Amino acid sequence: MWEFTNDRPIYLQLIDQIKLRVINGTYKPGDKVPSVREIAMEAGVNPNTVQRAFLELERSGILSTQRTLGRFVTDKETDIENNRDDMAKEQVEIFVGKMKELGLSGEDVIRLVQAYLNEEGK
């Protein structure tokens, strides 16, 4: 399922959602990804928007094109791990920024995260 918000361009949201599908294993290394037309129809967006997202995903090393065969997820685990780490860092920056807005120190944030993780494990 594709979900979009109004706060960012659709192609950037497509990039994030496709990266997430690669990182979480929905699209596995070496898998063929749906075509531009298939994703455009499924997501309800313009094919040019999907094409733009695919080009950026190719630049980042997540996808590659094989002439006449389509686009495939990279089989380079390091590229996938690097993208996972980049996405995780971005989420940490957002989270820590919000915590600082609340007036929390780094130690407070660490304490809260540790408490949350301890509770989650029960």
N, C-alpha and C. Protein backbone atom coordinates (compact mmCIF):
# COMPACT_ATOMS: atom_id res chain seq x y z
N MET A 1 0.85 -1.18 0.00
CA MET A 1 0.00 0.00 0.00
C MET A 1 0.89 1.24 0.00
N TRP A 2 0.56 2.16 -0.81
CA TRP A 2 1.31 3.40 -0.93
C TRP A 2 0.54 4.50 -0.23
N GLU A 3 1.22 5.23 0.65
CA GLU A 3 0.60 6.34 1.35
C GLU A 3 1.47 7.58 1.18
N PHE A 4 0.80 8.69 0.89
CA PHE A 4 1.51 9.93 0.65
C PHE A 4 0.93 11.04 1.51
N THR A 5 1.80 11.98 1.86
CA THR A 5 1.39 13.16 2.60
C THR A 5 1.60 14.39 1.72
N ASN A 6 1.13 15.51 2.18
CA ASN A 6 1.25 16.74 1.39
C ASN A 6 2.50 17.55 1.74
N ASP A 7 3.32 17.07 2.67
CA ASP A 7 4.44 17.87 3.15
C ASP A 7 5.73 17.71 2.33
N ARG A 8 5.78 16.72 1.44
CA ARG A 8 6.97 16.48 0.63
C ARG A 8 6.57 16.05 -0.77
N PRO A 9 7.43 16.29 -1.76
CA PRO A 9 7.12 15.84 -3.11
C PRO A 9 6.89 14.32 -3.16
N ILE A 10 5.98 13.90 -4.00
CA ILE A 10 5.61 12.48 -4.11
C ILE A 10 6.82 11.63 -4.49
N TYR A 11 7.66 12.11 -5.41
CA TYR A 11 8.79 11.28 -5.83
C TYR A 11 9.74 10.99 -4.68
N LEU A 12 9.91 11.94 -3.75
CA LEU A 12 10.75 11.70 -2.57
C LEU A 12 10.11 10.67 -1.65
N GLN A 13 8.80 10.72 -1.53
CA GLN A 13 8.10 9.75 -0.71
C GLN A 13 8.16 8.35 -1.34
N LEU A 14 8.08 8.31 -2.67
CA LEU A 14 8.24 7.03 -3.37
C LEU A 14 9.63 6.45 -3.12
N ILE A 15 10.65 7.29 -3.21
CA ILE A 15 12.02 6.85 -2.96
C ILE A 15 12.11 6.23 -1.57
N ASP A 16 11.61 6.94 -0.56
CA ASP A 16 11.67 6.43 0.81
C ASP A 16 10.92 5.12 0.97
N GLN A 17 9.75 5.03 0.36
CA GLN A 17 8.95 3.82 0.52
C GLN A 17 9.56 2.63 -0.21
N ILE A 18 10.16 2.86 -1.37
CA ILE A 18 10.82 1.77 -2.08
C ILE A 18 12.07 1.35 -1.33
N LYS A 19 12.86 2.32 -0.84
CA LYS A 19 14.03 1.98 -0.03
C LYS A 19 13.63 1.15 1.17
N LEU A 20 12.56 1.55 1.84
CA LEU A 20 12.10 0.82 3.01
C LEU A 20 11.71 -0.61 2.64
N ARG A 21 11.09 -0.78 1.49
CA ARG A 21 10.71 -2.13 1.05
C ARG A 21 11.94 -2.99 0.76
N VAL A 22 13.00 -2.36 0.28
CA VAL A 22 14.25 -3.10 0.06
C VAL A 22 14.89 -3.43 1.41
N ILE A 23 14.95 -2.45 2.29
CA ILE A 23 15.61 -2.64 3.58
C ILE A 23 14.89 -3.67 4.44
N ASN A 24 13.55 -3.66 4.41
CA ASN A 24 12.83 -4.61 5.27
C ASN A 24 12.60 -5.96 4.60
N GLY A 25 13.10 -6.13 3.37
CA GLY A 25 13.04 -7.43 2.71
C GLY A 25 11.81 -7.69 1.87
N THR A 26 10.92 -6.71 1.74
CA THR A 26 9.77 -6.88 0.86
C THR A 26 10.26 -7.10 -0.57
N TYR A 27 11.22 -6.27 -1.00
CA TYR A 27 11.93 -6.48 -2.25
C TYR A 27 13.32 -6.99 -1.85
N LYS A 28 13.62 -8.21 -2.19
CA LYS A 28 14.88 -8.84 -1.79
C LYS A 28 16.00 -8.55 -2.79
N PRO A 29 17.25 -8.65 -2.34
CA PRO A 29 18.37 -8.44 -3.26
C PRO A 29 18.22 -9.31 -4.51
N GLY A 30 18.38 -8.67 -5.67
CA GLY A 30 18.28 -9.38 -6.94
C GLY A 30 16.87 -9.49 -7.49
N ASP A 31 15.85 -9.14 -6.69
CA ASP A 31 14.46 -9.21 -7.16
C ASP A 31 14.20 -8.17 -8.23
N LYS A 32 13.33 -8.54 -9.16
CA LYS A 32 12.84 -7.57 -10.13
C LYS A 32 11.76 -6.76 -9.43
N VAL A 33 11.81 -5.44 -9.61
CA VAL A 33 10.79 -4.58 -9.01
C VAL A 33 9.69 -4.33 -10.04
N PRO A 34 8.48 -4.00 -9.57
CA PRO A 34 7.41 -3.70 -10.51
C PRO A 34 7.82 -2.57 -11.46
N SER A 35 7.21 -2.58 -12.61
CA SER A 35 7.54 -1.56 -13.63
C SER A 35 7.03 -0.19 -13.21
N VAL A 36 7.50 0.82 -13.93
CA VAL A 36 7.04 2.19 -13.70
C VAL A 36 5.52 2.24 -13.80
N ARG A 37 4.97 1.66 -14.84
CA ARG A 37 3.52 1.69 -15.04
C ARG A 37 2.78 0.97 -13.92
N GLU A 38 3.31 -0.18 -13.50
CA GLU A 38 2.65 -0.93 -12.43
C GLU A 38 2.61 -0.13 -11.13
N ILE A 39 3.74 0.46 -10.77
CA ILE A 39 3.77 1.24 -9.53
C ILE A 39 2.90 2.48 -9.67
N ALA A 40 2.95 3.13 -10.82
CA ALA A 40 2.13 4.33 -11.03
C ALA A 40 0.65 4.01 -10.86
N MET A 41 0.21 2.91 -11.43
CA MET A 41 -1.21 2.53 -11.30
C MET A 41 -1.54 2.15 -9.86
N GLU A 42 -0.68 1.35 -9.25
CA GLU A 42 -0.91 0.89 -7.88
C GLU A 42 -0.92 2.07 -6.89
N ALA A 43 0.00 3.01 -7.08
CA ALA A 43 0.13 4.14 -6.16
C ALA A 43 -0.78 5.30 -6.52
N GLY A 44 -1.32 5.28 -7.74
CA GLY A 44 -2.19 6.37 -8.17
C GLY A 44 -1.43 7.66 -8.45
N VAL A 45 -0.23 7.51 -9.03
CA VAL A 45 0.59 8.69 -9.35
C VAL A 45 0.98 8.66 -10.82
N ASN A 46 1.51 9.77 -11.28
CA ASN A 46 1.94 9.91 -12.66
C ASN A 46 3.17 9.03 -12.91
N PRO A 47 3.23 8.31 -14.04
CA PRO A 47 4.41 7.49 -14.35
C PRO A 47 5.71 8.30 -14.36
N ASN A 48 5.66 9.57 -14.75
CA ASN A 48 6.88 10.39 -14.74
C ASN A 48 7.42 10.56 -13.32
N THR A 49 6.53 10.60 -12.35
CA THR A 49 6.93 10.72 -10.95
C THR A 49 7.66 9.45 -10.52
N VAL A 50 7.13 8.31 -10.91
CA VAL A 50 7.78 7.03 -10.58
C VAL A 50 9.12 6.93 -11.28
N GLN A 51 9.18 7.34 -12.53
CA GLN A 51 10.44 7.31 -13.29
C GLN A 51 11.50 8.16 -12.59
N ARG A 52 11.11 9.32 -12.12
CA ARG A 52 12.04 10.21 -11.42
C ARG A 52 12.57 9.54 -10.15
N ALA A 53 11.68 8.87 -9.42
CA ALA A 53 12.09 8.16 -8.21
C ALA A 53 13.05 7.02 -8.56
N PHE A 54 12.72 6.26 -9.61
CA PHE A 54 13.59 5.16 -10.02
C PHE A 54 14.98 5.64 -10.41
N LEU A 55 15.06 6.75 -11.12
CA LEU A 55 16.37 7.28 -11.51
C LEU A 55 17.21 7.62 -10.28
N GLU A 56 16.58 8.21 -9.28
CA GLU A 56 17.30 8.54 -8.05
C GLU A 56 17.71 7.27 -7.30
N LEU A 57 16.85 6.27 -7.30
CA LEU A 57 17.19 5.00 -6.65
C LEU A 57 18.34 4.30 -7.36
N GLU A 58 18.44 4.48 -8.66
CA GLU A 58 19.57 3.93 -9.40
C GLU A 58 20.85 4.67 -9.03
N ARG A 59 20.76 5.99 -8.91
CA ARG A 59 21.93 6.79 -8.52
C ARG A 59 22.44 6.39 -7.14
N SER A 60 21.51 6.05 -6.24
CA SER A 60 21.91 5.70 -4.87
C SER A 60 22.38 4.25 -4.75
N GLY A 61 22.25 3.48 -5.85
CA GLY A 61 22.74 2.11 -5.84
C GLY A 61 21.72 1.08 -5.37
N ILE A 62 20.51 1.48 -5.07
CA ILE A 62 19.48 0.54 -4.60
C ILE A 62 18.92 -0.28 -5.76
N LEU A 63 18.71 0.36 -6.91
CA LEU A 63 18.19 -0.33 -8.09
C LEU A 63 19.19 -0.26 -9.22
N SER A 64 19.06 -1.21 -10.13
CA SER A 64 19.84 -1.17 -11.36
C SER A 64 18.94 -1.61 -12.50
N THR A 65 19.24 -1.11 -13.68
CA THR A 65 18.44 -1.45 -14.86
C THR A 65 19.21 -2.43 -15.71
N GLN A 66 18.49 -3.46 -16.15
CA GLN A 66 19.05 -4.40 -17.11
C GLN A 66 18.22 -4.27 -18.37
N ARG A 67 18.84 -3.80 -19.41
CA ARG A 67 18.13 -3.53 -20.67
C ARG A 67 17.20 -4.69 -21.03
N THR A 68 16.02 -4.35 -21.41
CA THR A 68 14.94 -5.25 -21.84
C THR A 68 14.39 -6.14 -20.72
N LEU A 69 15.07 -6.21 -19.59
CA LEU A 69 14.59 -7.07 -18.49
C LEU A 69 13.89 -6.30 -17.39
N GLY A 70 14.23 -5.02 -17.25
CA GLY A 70 13.60 -4.22 -16.20
C GLY A 70 14.58 -3.77 -15.13
N ARG A 71 14.00 -3.37 -14.00
CA ARG A 71 14.82 -2.88 -12.88
C ARG A 71 14.87 -3.93 -11.78
N PHE A 72 16.04 -4.00 -11.15
CA PHE A 72 16.26 -5.00 -10.11
C PHE A 72 16.87 -4.36 -8.88
N VAL A 73 16.57 -4.96 -7.74
CA VAL A 73 17.17 -4.54 -6.48
C VAL A 73 18.64 -4.95 -6.52
N THR A 74 19.49 -4.10 -6.01
CA THR A 74 20.91 -4.44 -5.96
C THR A 74 21.12 -5.73 -5.18
N ASP A 75 22.13 -6.46 -5.54
CA ASP A 75 22.48 -7.64 -4.76
C ASP A 75 23.69 -7.35 -3.87
N LYS A 76 24.07 -6.08 -3.81
CA LYS A 76 25.18 -5.65 -2.95
C LYS A 76 24.63 -5.30 -1.58
N GLU A 77 24.86 -6.19 -0.63
CA GLU A 77 24.35 -5.99 0.73
C GLU A 77 24.86 -4.70 1.35
N THR A 78 26.09 -4.30 1.02
CA THR A 78 26.64 -3.08 1.61
C THR A 78 25.86 -1.85 1.17
N ASP A 79 25.39 -1.83 -0.08
CA ASP A 79 24.58 -0.70 -0.55
C ASP A 79 23.27 -0.63 0.23
N ILE A 80 22.67 -1.78 0.47
CA ILE A 80 21.42 -1.83 1.22
C ILE A 80 21.67 -1.39 2.67
N GLU A 81 22.73 -1.90 3.27
CA GLU A 81 23.06 -1.53 4.65
C GLU A 81 23.36 -0.04 4.77
N ASN A 82 24.08 0.51 3.81
CA ASN A 82 24.40 1.95 3.84
C ASN A 82 23.12 2.78 3.76
N ASN A 83 22.20 2.38 2.90
CA ASN A 83 20.93 3.10 2.80
C ASN A 83 20.11 2.95 4.07
N ARG A 84 20.13 1.76 4.68
CA ARG A 84 19.43 1.55 5.95
C ARG A 84 20.01 2.47 7.02
N ASP A 85 21.33 2.52 7.09
CA ASP A 85 21.98 3.38 8.08
C ASP A 85 21.65 4.85 7.85
N ASP A 86 21.64 5.28 6.59
CA ASP A 86 21.29 6.67 6.27
C ASP A 86 19.86 6.99 6.70
N MET A 87 18.93 6.08 6.41
CA MET A 87 17.54 6.32 6.80
C MET A 87 17.39 6.33 8.33
N ALA A 88 18.12 5.45 9.00
CA ALA A 88 18.06 5.40 10.46
C ALA A 88 18.62 6.69 11.06
N LYS A 89 19.74 7.17 10.54
CA LYS A 89 20.32 8.42 11.03
C LYS A 89 19.36 9.59 10.85
N GLU A 90 18.68 9.62 9.71
CA GLU A 90 17.71 10.68 9.46
C GLU A 90 16.59 10.65 10.50
N GLN A 91 16.12 9.45 10.83
CA GLN A 91 15.05 9.32 11.84
C GLN A 91 15.56 9.71 13.22
N VAL A 92 16.81 9.37 13.53
CA VAL A 92 17.39 9.75 14.82
C VAL A 92 17.49 11.27 14.91
N GLU A 93 17.94 11.91 13.84
CA GLU A 93 18.04 13.37 13.83
C GLU A 93 16.69 14.02 14.10
N ILE A 94 15.65 13.51 13.46
CA ILE A 94 14.31 14.04 13.66
C ILE A 94 13.87 13.84 15.11
N PHE A 95 14.05 12.63 15.62
CA PHE A 95 13.65 12.29 16.98
C PHE A 95 14.39 13.15 18.01
N VAL A 96 15.71 13.20 17.89
CA VAL A 96 16.50 13.96 18.86
C VAL A 96 16.15 15.45 18.77
N GLY A 97 15.93 15.95 17.59
CA GLY A 97 15.50 17.35 17.43
C GLY A 97 14.21 17.62 18.18
N LYS A 98 13.24 16.72 18.06
CA LYS A 98 11.96 16.88 18.77
C LYS A 98 12.17 16.82 20.28
N MET A 99 13.05 15.94 20.73
CA MET A 99 13.30 15.82 22.17
C MET A 99 13.97 17.08 22.71
N LYS A 100 14.88 17.66 21.91
CA LYS A 100 15.52 18.91 22.32
C LYS A 100 14.51 20.04 22.41
N GLU A 101 13.53 20.04 21.48
CA GLU A 101 12.46 21.04 21.53
C GLU A 101 11.67 20.93 22.83
N LEU A 102 11.60 19.71 23.36
CA LEU A 102 10.91 19.49 24.64
C LEU A 102 11.79 19.86 25.84
N GLY A 103 13.04 20.24 25.55
CA GLY A 103 13.94 20.65 26.61
C GLY A 103 14.70 19.50 27.25
N LEU A 104 14.72 18.35 26.62
CA LEU A 104 15.41 17.19 27.19
C LEU A 104 16.88 17.20 26.80
N SER A 105 17.70 16.72 27.72
CA SER A 105 19.14 16.59 27.46
C SER A 105 19.39 15.26 26.75
N GLY A 106 20.61 15.09 26.28
CA GLY A 106 20.99 13.83 25.65
C GLY A 106 20.83 12.67 26.61
N GLU A 107 21.21 12.89 27.87
CA GLU A 107 21.08 11.85 28.89
C GLU A 107 19.61 11.50 29.11
N ASP A 108 18.74 12.52 29.11
CA ASP A 108 17.31 12.27 29.28
C ASP A 108 16.77 11.41 28.14
N VAL A 109 17.20 11.73 26.93
CA VAL A 109 16.73 10.99 25.76
C VAL A 109 17.18 9.54 25.85
N ILE A 110 18.45 9.32 26.19
CA ILE A 110 18.97 7.95 26.32
C ILE A 110 18.20 7.19 27.40
N ARG A 111 17.94 7.83 28.52
CA ARG A 111 17.20 7.19 29.61
C ARG A 111 15.81 6.80 29.15
N LEU A 112 15.12 7.70 28.45
CA LEU A 112 13.78 7.40 27.97
C LEU A 112 13.77 6.27 26.95
N VAL A 113 14.73 6.28 26.04
CA VAL A 113 14.80 5.22 25.03
C VAL A 113 15.09 3.89 25.70
N GLN A 114 16.02 3.88 26.66
CA GLN A 114 16.33 2.63 27.35
C GLN A 114 15.10 2.11 28.12
N ALA A 115 14.39 3.01 28.78
CA ALA A 115 13.19 2.61 29.51
C ALA A 115 12.15 2.04 28.54
N TYR A 116 11.98 2.69 27.40
CA TYR A 116 11.02 2.22 26.40
C TYR A 116 11.40 0.83 25.90
N LEU A 117 12.68 0.63 25.58
CA LEU A 117 13.12 -0.66 25.08
C LEU A 117 12.97 -1.76 26.14
N ASN A 118 13.22 -1.41 27.40
CA ASN A 118 13.04 -2.38 28.48
C ASN A 118 11.57 -2.78 28.62
N GLU A 119 10.67 -1.81 28.50
CA GLU A 119 9.24 -2.09 28.58
C GLU A 119 8.76 -2.89 27.39
N GLU A 120 9.31 -2.59 26.22
CA GLU A 120 8.91 -3.28 25.00
C GLU A 120 9.26 -4.75 25.06
N GLY A 121 10.35 -5.08 25.73
CA GLY A 121 10.82 -6.46 25.82
C GLY A 121 10.03 -7.31 26.79
N LYS A 122 9.16 -6.70 27.56
CA LYS A 122 8.38 -7.48 28.56
C LYS A 122 7.20 -8.16 27.96
